[in-house]
C-alpha atoms as a PDB file:
ATOM      1  CA  MET A   1       0.011  -0.029   0.049  1.00  0.00           C
ATOM      2  CA  SER A   2       2.813   2.391   0.793  1.00  0.00           C
ATOM      3  CA  ASN A   3       4.422   1.682  -2.617  1.00  0.00           C
ATOM      4  CA  LEU A   4       1.058   2.529  -4.246  1.00  0.00           C
ATOM      5  CA  MET A   5       0.734   5.772  -2.453  1.00  0.00           C
ATOM      6  CA  SER A   6       4.361   6.826  -2.968  1.00  0.00           C
ATOM      7  CA  SER A   7       4.170   6.036  -6.732  1.00  0.00           C
ATOM      8  CA  SER A   8       0.916   8.042  -7.131  1.00  0.00           C
ATOM      9  CA  LEU A   9       2.359  10.902  -5.097  1.00  0.00           C
ATOM     10  CA  PHE A  10       5.525  10.819  -7.045  1.00  0.00           C
ATOM     11  CA  LYS A  11       3.600  11.052 -10.358  1.00  0.00           C
ATOM     12  CA  ASN A  12       1.422  13.928  -9.256  1.00  0.00           C
ATOM     13  CA  GLN A  13       4.476  15.964  -8.115  1.00  0.00           C
ATOM     14  CA  THR A  14       6.549  15.414 -11.242  1.00  0.00           C
ATOM     15  CA  VAL A  15       4.108  15.663 -14.028  1.00  0.00           C
ATOM     16  CA  LYS A  16       2.904  19.152 -13.103  1.00  0.00           C
ATOM     17  CA  PRO A  17       6.294  20.919 -13.470  1.00  0.00           C
ATOM     18  CA  ALA A  18       7.441  18.681 -16.404  1.00  0.00           C
ATOM     19  CA  PHE A  19       5.613  20.762 -19.144  1.00  0.00           C
ATOM     20  CA  TRP A  20       7.140  23.927 -17.692  1.00  0.00           C
ATOM     21  CA  PHE A  21      10.587  22.473 -17.679  1.00  0.00           C
ATOM     22  CA  VAL A  22      10.286  22.152 -21.532  1.00  0.00           C
ATOM     23  CA  VAL A  23       8.844  25.697 -21.663  1.00  0.00           C
ATOM     24  CA  LEU A  24      11.686  27.101 -19.692  1.00  0.00           C
ATOM     25  CA  GLY A  25      14.348  25.022 -21.575  1.00  0.00           C
ATOM     26  CA  SER A  26      12.944  26.125 -24.852  1.00  0.00           C
ATOM     27  CA  ALA A  27      12.686  29.805 -23.684  1.00  0.00           C
ATOM     28  CA  LEU A  28      16.483  29.827 -22.986  1.00  0.00           C
ATOM     29  CA  TRP A  29      17.083  29.253 -26.708  1.00  0.00           C
ATOM     30  CA  GLY A  30      15.582  32.739 -27.231  1.00  0.00           C
ATOM     31  CA  VAL A  31      18.469  34.390 -25.355  1.00  0.00           C
ATOM     32  CA  ASP A  32      21.002  32.934 -27.943  1.00  0.00           C
ATOM     33  CA  PRO A  33      21.247  36.304 -29.899  1.00  0.00           C
ATOM     34  CA  LEU A  34      22.513  38.023 -26.678  1.00  0.00           C
ATOM     35  CA  PHE A  35      25.799  36.112 -26.827  1.00  0.00           C
ATOM     36  CA  ARG A  36      25.983  35.052 -30.617  1.00  0.00           C
ATOM     37  CA  LYS A  37      25.925  38.706 -31.921  1.00  0.00           C
ATOM     38  CA  LEU A  38      29.282  39.384 -30.409  1.00  0.00           C
ATOM     39  CA  LEU A  39      30.809  36.037 -31.443  1.00  0.00           C
ATOM     40  CA  LEU A  40      29.706  36.469 -35.143  1.00  0.00           C
ATOM     41  CA  GLU A  41      31.885  39.519 -35.369  1.00  0.00           C
ATOM     42  CA  HIS A  42      34.907  37.151 -35.225  1.00  0.00           C
ATOM     43  CA  LEU A  43      33.665  33.598 -36.028  1.00  0.00           C
ATOM     44  CA  THR A  44      31.349  31.899 -38.470  1.00  0.00           C
ATOM     45  CA  SER A  45      28.187  30.122 -37.052  1.00  0.00           C
ATOM     46  CA  THR A  46      29.815  26.729 -37.549  1.00  0.00           C
ATOM     47  CA  GLN A  47      32.960  27.709 -35.689  1.00  0.00           C
ATOM     48  CA  ILE A  48      30.871  29.081 -32.811  1.00  0.00           C
ATOM     49  CA  THR A  49      28.779  25.854 -32.667  1.00  0.00           C
ATOM     50  CA  LEU A  50      31.931  23.676 -32.748  1.00  0.00           C
ATOM     51  CA  LEU A  51      33.628  25.581 -29.906  1.00  0.00           C
ATOM     52  CA  GLU A  52      30.407  25.507 -27.945  1.00  0.00           C
ATOM     53  CA  HIS A  53      30.176  21.700 -28.312  1.00  0.00           C
ATOM     54  CA  VAL A  54      33.891  21.294 -27.232  1.00  0.00           C
ATOM     55  CA  LEU A  55      33.020  23.105 -23.967  1.00  0.00           C
ATOM     56  CA  LEU A  56      29.729  21.208 -23.574  1.00  0.00           C
ATOM     57  CA  VAL A  57      31.485  17.813 -24.031  1.00  0.00           C
ATOM     58  CA  LEU A  58      34.014  18.794 -21.384  1.00  0.00           C
ATOM     59  CA  PHE A  59      31.309  19.720 -19.016  1.00  0.00           C
ATOM     60  CA  MET A  60      29.129  16.625 -19.604  1.00  0.00           C
ATOM     61  CA  SER A  61      32.005  14.048 -19.741  1.00  0.00           C
ATOM     62  CA  PRO A  62      32.023  13.458 -15.958  1.00  0.00           C
ATOM     63  CA  VAL A  63      28.217  13.192 -16.034  1.00  0.00           C
ATOM     64  CA  MET A  64      28.458  10.608 -18.860  1.00  0.00           C
ATOM     65  CA  TRP A  65      31.040   8.674 -16.954  1.00  0.00           C
ATOM     66  CA  LYS A  66      28.703   8.608 -13.897  1.00  0.00           C
ATOM     67  CA  HIS A  67      25.823   7.189 -16.022  1.00  0.00           C
ATOM     68  CA  ARG A  68      28.077   4.899 -18.310  1.00  0.00           C
ATOM     69  CA  GLN A  69      26.123   1.756 -17.186  1.00  0.00           C
ATOM     70  CA  GLN A  70      23.141   3.127 -19.136  1.00  0.00           C
ATOM     71  CA  LEU A  71      25.053   2.702 -22.453  1.00  0.00           C
ATOM     72  CA  LYS A  72      24.402  -1.018 -22.101  1.00  0.00           C
ATOM     73  CA  LEU A  73      20.687  -0.357 -22.479  1.00  0.00           C
ATOM     74  CA  LEU A  74      21.115   1.135 -25.964  1.00  0.00           C
ATOM     75  CA  LYS A  75      20.435  -0.894 -29.084  1.00  0.00           C
ATOM     76  CA  LEU A  76      21.103  -0.128 -32.762  1.00  0.00           C
ATOM     77  CA  ARG A  77      17.703   1.613 -33.074  1.00  0.00           C
ATOM     78  CA  HIS A  78      18.660   3.915 -30.220  1.00  0.00           C
ATOM     79  CA  LEU A  79      21.864   4.789 -31.923  1.00  0.00           C
ATOM     80  CA  GLY A  80      19.803   5.769 -34.972  1.00  0.00           C
ATOM     81  CA  ALA A  81      17.690   8.045 -32.807  1.00  0.00           C
ATOM     82  CA  LEU A  82      20.737   9.577 -31.299  1.00  0.00           C
ATOM     83  CA  LEU A  83      22.174  10.354 -34.697  1.00  0.00           C
ATOM     84  CA  PHE A  84      18.918  11.845 -35.849  1.00  0.00           C
ATOM     85  CA  VAL A  85      18.837  14.139 -32.665  1.00  0.00           C
ATOM     86  CA  SER A  86      22.494  15.208 -32.723  1.00  0.00           C
ATOM     87  CA  TRP A  87      23.174  15.243 -36.468  1.00  0.00           C
ATOM     88  CA  GLY A  88      19.885  15.951 -37.946  1.00  0.00           C
ATOM     89  CA  GLY A  89      18.233  18.185 -35.284  1.00  0.00           C
ATOM     90  CA  SER A  90      21.315  20.071 -34.320  1.00  0.00           C
ATOM     91  CA  ALA A  91      23.568  20.487 -37.414  1.00  0.00           C
ATOM     92  CA  LEU A  92      21.727  19.555 -40.601  1.00  0.00           C
ATOM     93  CA  ALA A  93      18.472  21.280 -39.710  1.00  0.00           C
ATOM     94  CA  THR A  94      20.304  24.480 -38.940  1.00  0.00           C
ATOM     95  CA  VAL A  95      22.299  24.385 -42.218  1.00  0.00           C
ATOM     96  CA  LEU A  96      19.065  23.702 -44.269  1.00  0.00           C
ATOM     97  CA  PHE A  97      17.182  26.567 -42.580  1.00  0.00           C
ATOM     98  CA  THR A  98      20.114  28.959 -43.010  1.00  0.00           C
ATOM     99  CA  GLN A  99      20.488  28.047 -46.693  1.00  0.00           C
ATOM    100  CA  GLY A 100      16.698  28.390 -47.137  1.00  0.00           C
ATOM    101  CA  LEU A 101      16.808  31.798 -45.819  1.00  0.00           C
ATOM    102  CA  ALA A 102      19.659  32.778 -48.101  1.00  0.00           C
ATOM    103  CA  SER A 103      18.110  31.122 -51.330  1.00  0.00           C
ATOM    104  CA  GLY A 104      14.331  31.569 -50.899  1.00  0.00           C
ATOM    105  CA  ASP A 105      11.691  34.083 -50.136  1.00  0.00           C
ATOM    106  CA  LEU A 106      12.108  34.961 -46.480  1.00  0.00           C
ATOM    107  CA  ASN A 107       8.434  35.026 -45.511  1.00  0.00           C
ATOM    108  CA  SER A 108       7.708  31.695 -47.228  1.00  0.00           C
ATOM    109  CA  VAL A 109      10.724  30.059 -45.505  1.00  0.00           C
ATOM    110  CA  LEU A 110       9.583  31.308 -42.108  1.00  0.00           C
ATOM    111  CA  LEU A 111       6.054  30.285 -42.629  1.00  0.00           C
ATOM    112  CA  LEU A 112       6.879  26.742 -43.616  1.00  0.00           C
ATOM    113  CA  GLN A 113       9.286  26.321 -40.696  1.00  0.00           C
ATOM    114  CA  LYS A 114       6.105  26.921 -38.567  1.00  0.00           C
ATOM    115  CA  LEU A 115       4.989  23.456 -39.707  1.00  0.00           C
ATOM    116  CA  GLN A 116       7.493  21.877 -37.281  1.00  0.00           C
ATOM    117  CA  PRO A 117       4.882  21.200 -34.487  1.00  0.00           C
ATOM    118  CA  LEU A 118       2.508  19.514 -37.065  1.00  0.00           C
ATOM    119  CA  PHE A 119       5.354  17.148 -38.235  1.00  0.00           C
ATOM    120  CA  ALA A 120       6.323  16.411 -34.570  1.00  0.00           C
ATOM    121  CA  ILE A 121       2.685  15.591 -33.711  1.00  0.00           C
ATOM    122  CA  LEU A 122       2.238  13.293 -36.743  1.00  0.00           C
ATOM    123  CA  MET A 123       5.486  11.506 -36.077  1.00  0.00           C
ATOM    124  CA  ALA A 124       4.647  11.105 -32.434  1.00  0.00           C
ATOM    125  CA  ARG A 125       1.339   9.583 -33.445  1.00  0.00           C
ATOM    126  CA  TRP A 126       3.051   7.198 -35.881  1.00  0.00           C
ATOM    127  CA  LEU A 127       6.220   6.226 -34.026  1.00  0.00           C
ATOM    128  CA  LEU A 128       5.213   6.629 -30.395  1.00  0.00           C
ATOM    129  CA  LYS A 129       1.508   5.778 -30.713  1.00  0.00           C
ATOM    130  CA  GLU A 130       0.580   8.841 -28.739  1.00  0.00           C
ATOM    131  CA  HIS A 131      -3.125   9.567 -28.226  1.00  0.00           C
ATOM    132  CA  LEU A 132      -4.272  13.102 -27.600  1.00  0.00           C
ATOM    133  CA  PRO A 133      -7.539  14.530 -26.179  1.00  0.00           C
ATOM    134  CA  ARG A 134      -9.973  16.141 -28.403  1.00  0.00           C
ATOM    135  CA  SER A 135      -9.217  19.520 -27.124  1.00  0.00           C
ATOM    136  CA  PHE A 136      -5.619  19.326 -28.153  1.00  0.00           C
ATOM    137  CA  GLY A 137      -6.567  20.117 -31.718  1.00  0.00           C
ATOM    138  CA  GLY A 138      -8.119  23.466 -30.706  1.00  0.00           C
ATOM    139  CA  LEU A 139      -5.171  24.353 -28.505  1.00  0.00           C
ATOM    140  CA  PHE A 140      -2.806  23.458 -31.380  1.00  0.00           C
ATOM    141  CA  LEU A 141      -4.522  25.853 -33.858  1.00  0.00           C
ATOM    142  CA  VAL A 142      -4.514  28.666 -31.207  1.00  0.00           C
ATOM    143  CA  ALA A 143      -0.820  28.157 -30.564  1.00  0.00           C
ATOM    144  CA  ILE A 144       0.108  28.027 -34.390  1.00  0.00           C
ATOM    145  CA  LEU A 145      -2.130  31.197 -34.960  1.00  0.00           C
ATOM    146  CA  GLY A 146      -0.184  32.851 -32.227  1.00  0.00           C
ATOM    147  CA  THR A 147       3.111  31.983 -33.712  1.00  0.00           C
ATOM    148  CA  TYR A 148       1.997  33.186 -37.115  1.00  0.00           C
ATOM    149  CA  LEU A 149       1.021  36.621 -35.653  1.00  0.00           C
ATOM    150  CA  LEU A 150       4.403  36.827 -33.979  1.00  0.00           C
ATOM    151  CA  THR A 151       6.185  36.343 -37.249  1.00  0.00           C
ATOM    152  CA  PHE A 152       3.963  37.979 -39.821  1.00  0.00           C
ATOM    153  CA  GLY A 153       1.312  40.126 -38.057  1.00  0.00           C
ATOM    154  CA  TRP A 154      -1.867  40.657 -40.002  1.00  0.00           C
ATOM    155  CA  GLN A 155      -0.130  40.394 -43.411  1.00  0.00           C
ATOM    156  CA  LEU A 156      -0.014  37.464 -45.763  1.00  0.00           C
ATOM    157  CA  PRO A 157       3.570  36.022 -46.069  1.00  0.00           C
ATOM    158  CA  PHE A 158       3.295  35.591 -49.887  1.00  0.00           C
ATOM    159  CA  SER A 159       1.198  36.747 -52.803  1.00  0.00           C
ATOM    160  CA  ASN A 160       0.977  33.483 -54.795  1.00  0.00           C
ATOM    161  CA  MET A 161       1.952  29.918 -54.639  1.00  0.00           C
ATOM    162  CA  SER A 162       4.893  30.159 -56.918  1.00  0.00           C
ATOM    163  CA  GLU A 163       6.738  31.907 -54.055  1.00  0.00           C
ATOM    164  CA  VAL A 164       6.181  28.937 -51.861  1.00  0.00           C
ATOM    165  CA  LEU A 165       7.390  26.254 -54.376  1.00  0.00           C
ATOM    166  CA  GLN A 166      11.048  27.180 -54.334  1.00  0.00           C
ATOM    167  CA  ALA A 167      14.253  25.429 -53.269  1.00  0.00           C
ATOM    168  CA  GLY A 168      14.443  27.681 -50.245  1.00  0.00           C
ATOM    169  CA  SER A 169      11.026  26.577 -49.124  1.00  0.00           C
ATOM    170  CA  LEU A 170      11.777  22.864 -49.558  1.00  0.00           C
ATOM    171  CA  MET A 171      14.844  23.359 -47.445  1.00  0.00           C
ATOM    172  CA  SER A 172      12.733  24.983 -44.770  1.00  0.00           C
ATOM    173  CA  ILE A 173      10.351  22.051 -44.724  1.00  0.00           C
ATOM    174  CA  GLY A 174      13.296  19.718 -44.453  1.00  0.00           C
ATOM    175  CA  ALA A 175      14.508  21.636 -41.432  1.00  0.00           C
ATOM    176  CA  ALA A 176      11.096  21.580 -39.876  1.00  0.00           C
ATOM    177  CA  ILE A 177      10.839  17.765 -40.292  1.00  0.00           C
ATOM    178  CA  LEU A 178      14.319  17.328 -38.693  1.00  0.00           C
ATOM    179  CA  TRP A 179      13.444  19.618 -35.715  1.00  0.00           C
ATOM    180  CA  GLY A 180      10.099  18.098 -35.182  1.00  0.00           C
ATOM    181  CA  GLY A 181      11.510  14.663 -35.504  1.00  0.00           C
ATOM    182  CA  SER A 182      14.197  15.453 -32.914  1.00  0.00           C
ATOM    183  CA  THR A 183      11.506  16.041 -30.327  1.00  0.00           C
ATOM    184  CA  VAL A 184       9.971  12.716 -31.089  1.00  0.00           C
ATOM    185  CA  MET A 185      13.333  10.810 -31.184  1.00  0.00           C
ATOM    186  CA  GLY A 186      14.388  12.463 -27.903  1.00  0.00           C
ATOM    187  CA  ARG A 187      11.149  11.243 -26.242  1.00  0.00           C
ATOM    188  CA  TYR A 188      11.803   7.778 -27.654  1.00  0.00           C
ATOM    189  CA  LEU A 189      15.329   7.670 -26.101  1.00  0.00           C
ATOM    190  CA  LEU A 190      13.952   8.921 -22.786  1.00  0.00           C
ATOM    191  CA  GLY A 191      11.987   5.755 -22.525  1.00  0.00           C
ATOM    192  CA  THR A 192      15.228   3.881 -22.109  1.00  0.00           C
ATOM    193  CA  VAL A 193      17.831   6.105 -20.576  1.00  0.00           C
ATOM    194  CA  ASN A 194      17.696   9.273 -18.353  1.00  0.00           C
ATOM    195  CA  TYR A 195      17.906  12.834 -19.491  1.00  0.00           C
ATOM    196  CA  GLU A 196      21.492  13.424 -18.465  1.00  0.00           C
ATOM    197  CA  THR A 197      22.588  10.570 -20.639  1.00  0.00           C
ATOM    198  CA  VAL A 198      20.460  11.802 -23.675  1.00  0.00           C
ATOM    199  CA  THR A 199      21.916  15.319 -23.206  1.00  0.00           C
ATOM    200  CA  SER A 200      25.482  14.050 -22.981  1.00  0.00           C
ATOM    201  CA  LEU A 201      25.307  11.837 -25.969  1.00  0.00           C
ATOM    202  CA  ARG A 202      23.672  14.543 -28.083  1.00  0.00           C
ATOM    203  CA  PHE A 203      26.684  16.857 -27.558  1.00  0.00           C
ATOM    204  CA  MET A 204      29.333  14.084 -27.925  1.00  0.00           C
ATOM    205  CA  LEU A 205      27.920  12.605 -31.143  1.00  0.00           C
ATOM    206  CA  ALA A 206      27.460  16.094 -32.737  1.00  0.00           C
ATOM    207  CA  LEU A 207      31.136  16.965 -32.261  1.00  0.00           C
ATOM    208  CA  PRO A 208      32.664  14.839 -35.090  1.00  0.00           C
ATOM    209  CA  LEU A 209      30.094  16.118 -37.641  1.00  0.00           C
ATOM    210  CA  LEU A 210      30.674  19.780 -36.579  1.00  0.00           C
ATOM    211  CA  LEU A 211      34.442  19.294 -36.848  1.00  0.00           C
ATOM    212  CA  ALA A 212      33.996  17.898 -40.369  1.00  0.00           C
ATOM    213  CA  MET A 213      31.695  20.777 -41.321  1.00  0.00           C
ATOM    214  CA  THR A 214      34.136  23.359 -39.933  1.00  0.00           C
ATOM    215  CA  LEU A 215      37.039  21.902 -41.801  1.00  0.00           C
ATOM    216  CA  THR A 216      35.022  21.741 -45.143  1.00  0.00           C
ATOM    217  CA  GLU A 217      34.049  25.352 -44.581  1.00  0.00           C
ATOM    218  CA  ARG A 218      37.652  26.484 -44.785  1.00  0.00           C
ATOM    219  CA  GLN A 219      37.066  29.865 -43.058  1.00  0.00           C
ATOM    220  CA  ILE A 220      39.804  31.742 -41.261  1.00  0.00           C
ATOM    221  CA  TRP A 221      39.563  31.850 -37.407  1.00  0.00           C
ATOM    222  CA  SER A 222      39.566  35.542 -36.727  1.00  0.00           C
ATOM    223  CA  LEU A 223      40.171  35.920 -33.031  1.00  0.00           C
ATOM    224  CA  PRO A 224      40.603  39.338 -31.243  1.00  0.00           C
ATOM    225  CA  GLY A 225      44.209  40.571 -30.930  1.00  0.00           C
ATOM    226  CA  GLU A 226      43.798  42.198 -27.616  1.00  0.00           C
ATOM    227  CA  ALA A 227      43.709  40.353 -24.350  1.00  0.00           C
ATOM    228  CA  GLY A 228      40.578  42.135 -23.232  1.00  0.00           C
ATOM    229  CA  GLY A 229      38.707  41.375 -26.419  1.00  0.00           C
ATOM    230  CA  LEU A 230      39.756  37.798 -26.282  1.00  0.00           C
ATOM    231  CA  ALA A 231      38.609  37.413 -22.619  1.00  0.00           C
ATOM    232  CA  LEU A 232      35.219  39.101 -23.537  1.00  0.00           C
ATOM    233  CA  MET A 233      34.818  36.645 -26.323  1.00  0.00           C
ATOM    234  CA  GLY A 234      35.661  33.761 -24.104  1.00  0.00           C
ATOM    235  CA  VAL A 235      33.132  34.780 -21.450  1.00  0.00           C
ATOM    236  CA  ASN A 236      30.494  35.205 -24.153  1.00  0.00           C
ATOM    237  CA  LEU A 237      31.245  31.677 -25.591  1.00  0.00           C
ATOM    238  CA  LEU A 238      31.116  30.183 -22.083  1.00  0.00           C
ATOM    239  CA  LEU A 239      27.777  31.822 -21.227  1.00  0.00           C
ATOM    240  CA  HIS A 240      26.430  30.883 -24.707  1.00  0.00           C
ATOM    241  CA  ALA A 241      27.423  27.209 -24.114  1.00  0.00           C
ATOM    242  CA  LEU A 242      26.067  27.146 -20.538  1.00  0.00           C
ATOM    243  CA  LEU A 243      22.692  28.954 -20.834  1.00  0.00           C
ATOM    244  CA  PRO A 244      21.061  28.324 -24.254  1.00  0.00           C
ATOM    245  CA  GLY A 245      23.346  25.234 -24.686  1.00  0.00           C
ATOM    246  CA  LEU A 246      23.660  23.062 -21.557  1.00  0.00           C
ATOM    247  CA  LEU A 247      21.087  24.313 -19.135  1.00  0.00           C
ATOM    248  CA  SER A 248      18.340  24.618 -21.824  1.00  0.00           C
ATOM    249  CA  LEU A 249      18.672  21.017 -22.919  1.00  0.00           C
ATOM    250  CA  LEU A 250      18.955  19.643 -19.486  1.00  0.00           C
ATOM    251  CA  LEU A 251      15.657  21.359 -18.553  1.00  0.00           C
ATOM    252  CA  TYR A 252      14.153  20.366 -21.862  1.00  0.00           C
ATOM    253  CA  TYR A 253      14.938  16.622 -21.670  1.00  0.00           C
ATOM    254  CA  LYS A 254      14.064  16.505 -17.925  1.00  0.00           C
ATOM    255  CA  GLY A 255      10.592  17.709 -18.823  1.00  0.00           C
ATOM    256  CA  LEU A 256      10.319  15.695 -21.997  1.00  0.00           C
ATOM    257  CA  SER A 257      10.934  12.586 -20.036  1.00  0.00           C
ATOM    258  CA  ARG A 258       7.564  13.025 -18.273  1.00  0.00           C
ATOM    259  CA  ILE A 259       5.230  14.345 -21.086  1.00  0.00           C
ATOM    260  CA  LYS A 260       4.168  13.420 -24.496  1.00  0.00           C
ATOM    261  CA  ALA A 261       6.216  14.632 -27.458  1.00  0.00           C
ATOM    262  CA  SER A 262       3.128  16.277 -28.978  1.00  0.00           C
ATOM    263  CA  TYR A 263       2.686  18.487 -25.825  1.00  0.00           C
ATOM    264  CA  ALA A 264       6.515  19.253 -25.793  1.00  0.00           C
ATOM    265  CA  THR A 265       6.443  20.541 -29.440  1.00  0.00           C
ATOM    266  CA  LEU A 266       3.913  23.183 -28.351  1.00  0.00           C
ATOM    267  CA  ALA A 267       5.919  24.015 -25.219  1.00  0.00           C
ATOM    268  CA  GLU A 268       8.765  24.906 -27.564  1.00  0.00           C
ATOM    269  CA  LEU A 269       6.764  27.870 -28.828  1.00  0.00           C
ATOM    270  CA  SER A 270       8.145  29.700 -25.746  1.00  0.00           C
ATOM    271  CA  PHE A 271      11.243  30.056 -27.813  1.00  0.00           C
ATOM    272  CA  PRO A 272       9.799  32.706 -30.398  1.00  0.00           C
ATOM    273  CA  MET A 273       7.948  34.365 -27.481  1.00  0.00           C
ATOM    274  CA  VAL A 274      11.206  35.090 -25.724  1.00  0.00           C
ATOM    275  CA  GLY A 275      12.866  36.116 -29.015  1.00  0.00           C
ATOM    276  CA  VAL A 276      10.286  38.790 -29.483  1.00  0.00           C
ATOM    277  CA  LEU A 277      10.856  40.006 -25.909  1.00  0.00           C
ATOM    278  CA  ILE A 278      14.667  40.092 -26.355  1.00  0.00           C
ATOM    279  CA  ASN A 279      14.283  42.052 -29.586  1.00  0.00           C
ATOM    280  CA  MET A 280      12.173  44.518 -27.772  1.00  0.00           C
ATOM    281  CA  ALA A 281      14.176  44.920 -24.546  1.00  0.00           C
ATOM    282  CA  VAL A 282      17.667  44.609 -25.844  1.00  0.00           C
ATOM    283  CA  PHE A 283      17.724  45.426 -29.530  1.00  0.00           C
ATOM    284  CA  ARG A 284      15.035  48.192 -29.312  1.00  0.00           C
ATOM    285  CA  GLN A 285      12.655  46.701 -31.939  1.00  0.00           C
ATOM    286  CA  VAL A 286       9.114  47.891 -31.634  1.00  0.00           C
ATOM    287  CA  ILE A 287       6.624  45.283 -30.648  1.00  0.00           C
ATOM    288  CA  THR A 288       3.452  45.462 -32.680  1.00  0.00           C
ATOM    289  CA  ILE A 289      -0.127  44.812 -31.709  1.00  0.00           C
ATOM    290  CA  PRO A 290      -0.359  41.527 -33.641  1.00  0.00           C
ATOM    291  CA  GLN A 291       2.736  40.333 -31.873  1.00  0.00           C
ATOM    292  CA  ILE A 292       1.160  41.102 -28.472  1.00  0.00           C
ATOM    293  CA  VAL A 293      -2.075  39.191 -29.682  1.00  0.00           C
ATOM    294  CA  GLY A 294       0.137  36.339 -30.793  1.00  0.00           C
ATOM    295  CA  PHE A 295       2.083  36.360 -27.551  1.00  0.00           C
ATOM    296  CA  ILE A 296      -1.190  36.172 -25.522  1.00  0.00           C
ATOM    297  CA  LEU A 297      -2.535  33.351 -27.661  1.00  0.00           C
ATOM    298  CA  ILE A 298       0.583  31.166 -27.305  1.00  0.00           C
ATOM    299  CA  TRP A 299       0.790  31.914 -23.524  1.00  0.00           C
ATOM    300  CA  ALA A 300      -2.942  30.935 -23.251  1.00  0.00           C
ATOM    301  CA  ALA A 301      -2.450  27.784 -25.071  1.00  0.00           C
ATOM    302  CA  LEU A 302       0.507  26.815 -22.876  1.00  0.00           C
ATOM    303  CA  LEU A 303      -1.349  27.419 -19.719  1.00  0.00           C
ATOM    304  CA  LEU A 304      -4.388  25.349 -20.899  1.00  0.00           C
ATOM    305  CA  ILE A 305      -2.110  22.463 -21.960  1.00  0.00           C
ATOM    306  CA  SER A 306      -0.421  22.651 -18.545  1.00  0.00           C
ATOM    307  CA  ARG A 307      -3.705  22.455 -16.876  1.00  0.00           C
ATOM    308  CA  GLN A 308      -4.657  19.452 -18.890  1.00  0.00           C
ATOM    309  CA  GLN A 309      -1.398  17.732 -17.746  1.00  0.00           C
ATOM    310  CA  GLU A 310      -2.243  18.510 -14.083  1.00  0.00           C
ATOM    311  CA  GLN A 311      -5.795  17.346 -14.311  1.00  0.00           C
ATOM    312  CA  LYS A 312      -4.563  14.029 -15.868  1.00  0.00           C
ATOM    313  CA  ALA A 313      -1.993  13.642 -13.172  1.00  0.00           C
ATOM    314  CA  GLY A 314      -4.599  13.941 -10.445  1.00  0.00           C
ATOM    315  CA  ALA A 315      -7.297  11.886 -12.077  1.00  0.00           C
ATOM    316  CA  PRO A 316      -8.475   8.690 -10.443  1.00  0.00           C
ATOM    317  CA  ALA A 317      -7.328   6.874 -13.525  1.00  0.00           C
ATOM    318  CA  ASP A 318      -3.856   7.172 -12.075  1.00  0.00           C
ATOM    319  CA  LEU A 319      -4.739   4.517  -9.343  1.00  0.00           C
ATOM    320  CA  PRO A 320      -4.489   1.480 -11.582  1.00  0.00           C
ATOM    321  CA  GLN A 321      -1.179   2.744 -13.027  1.00  0.00           C
ATOM    322  CA  ALA A 322       0.216   3.234  -9.517  1.00  0.00           C
ATOM    323  CA  VAL A 323      -0.659  -0.386  -8.833  1.00  0.00           C
ATOM    324  CA  ALA A 324       1.098  -1.521 -11.919  1.00  0.00           C
ATOM    325  CA  LEU A 325       4.107   0.551 -10.871  1.00  0.00           C
ATOM    326  CA  SER A 326       4.019  -1.103  -7.414  1.00  0.00           C
ATOM    327  CA  VAL A 327       3.844  -4.623  -8.831  1.00  0.00           C
ATOM    328  CA  VAL A 328       5.994  -4.441 -11.978  1.00  0.00           C
ATOM    329  CA  ASP A 329       8.671  -1.911 -10.955  1.00  0.00           C
ATOM    330  CA  GLY A 330       8.935  -2.622  -7.224  1.00  0.00           C
ATOM    331  CA  GLY A 331       7.371   0.734  -6.368  1.00  0.00           C
ATOM    332  CA  GLN A 332       9.826   2.668  -8.544  1.00  0.00           C
ATOM    333  CA  PRO A 333       8.211   5.240 -10.891  1.00  0.00           C
ATOM    334  CA  SER A 334       8.442   4.277 -14.551  1.00  0.00           C
ATOM    335  CA  ARG A 335       9.501   6.575 -17.394  1.00  0.00           C
ATOM    336  CA  ARG A 336       6.331   6.134 -19.472  1.00  0.00           C
ATOM    337  CA  VAL A 337       4.573   9.013 -21.122  1.00  0.00           C
ATOM    338  CA  VAL A 338       1.797  10.503 -18.970  1.00  0.00           C
END
């Protein structure tokens, strides 16, 4: 009986903040420009990402060593998921989206990238067999509308379909599929290993690819000549690695381990919300009425989704699951999606 009560209590306590861990982790991605702007004055985007991952691997190596026994749990299909997350979601998606912005219509590329949550939900339904409540569809539409208003306001992003059917737009769709798939693959991995291991392996496996990309780029490393400038750049790089890099992903995967990938992909919309706030507060860009409306719509959708998670955690339907935990797992909470 004590096992049953402790399992149920554990679940109720952890499910509630899990959604907001994903929200907070995604929001930290929005502070990226604060550090990247100075770094881009001296380094390319690939060089910055490579140096960032070198630091992250150094930080996470002791953590990976501590959890090294979990590597025995990984099979070939898990390695494929890890490569999808570390190579596809981190490196290739960024390259596709950047090239799409350079070669296609800006608005069309941005619009098609907003399909990322849709791809994530479809893949979660297909690969993870996730079932969603009927109200989720309405919340999804509200969140997507809010994201649209944040990006385009009241205006249409293009005047005819020929602007959409371009190479840049196809690259944007490819990036959206990779980013959406990374959420699903991350959730799949968290069913086997803990979030610290997933975070560590994501950084470690991405390092060889980033090194190859940097060498292929053949760009000169332009570092500041003065000691003060070099120190300032080092501090920026360190903060960039720790905040929108390490801390964001630790929070993100910690939350993702307790919620469905479909919910997580909407929680990620805190990223563009914070981006708008950063542009307004730091870079003095004027926030428009449509952006305010979009901000409110996304925030309302996140609050309602969070309430759904809390209601589900406290529902009587949890009782049979707690019994299953007590019998099958010896009273230890499982890592199943709630």
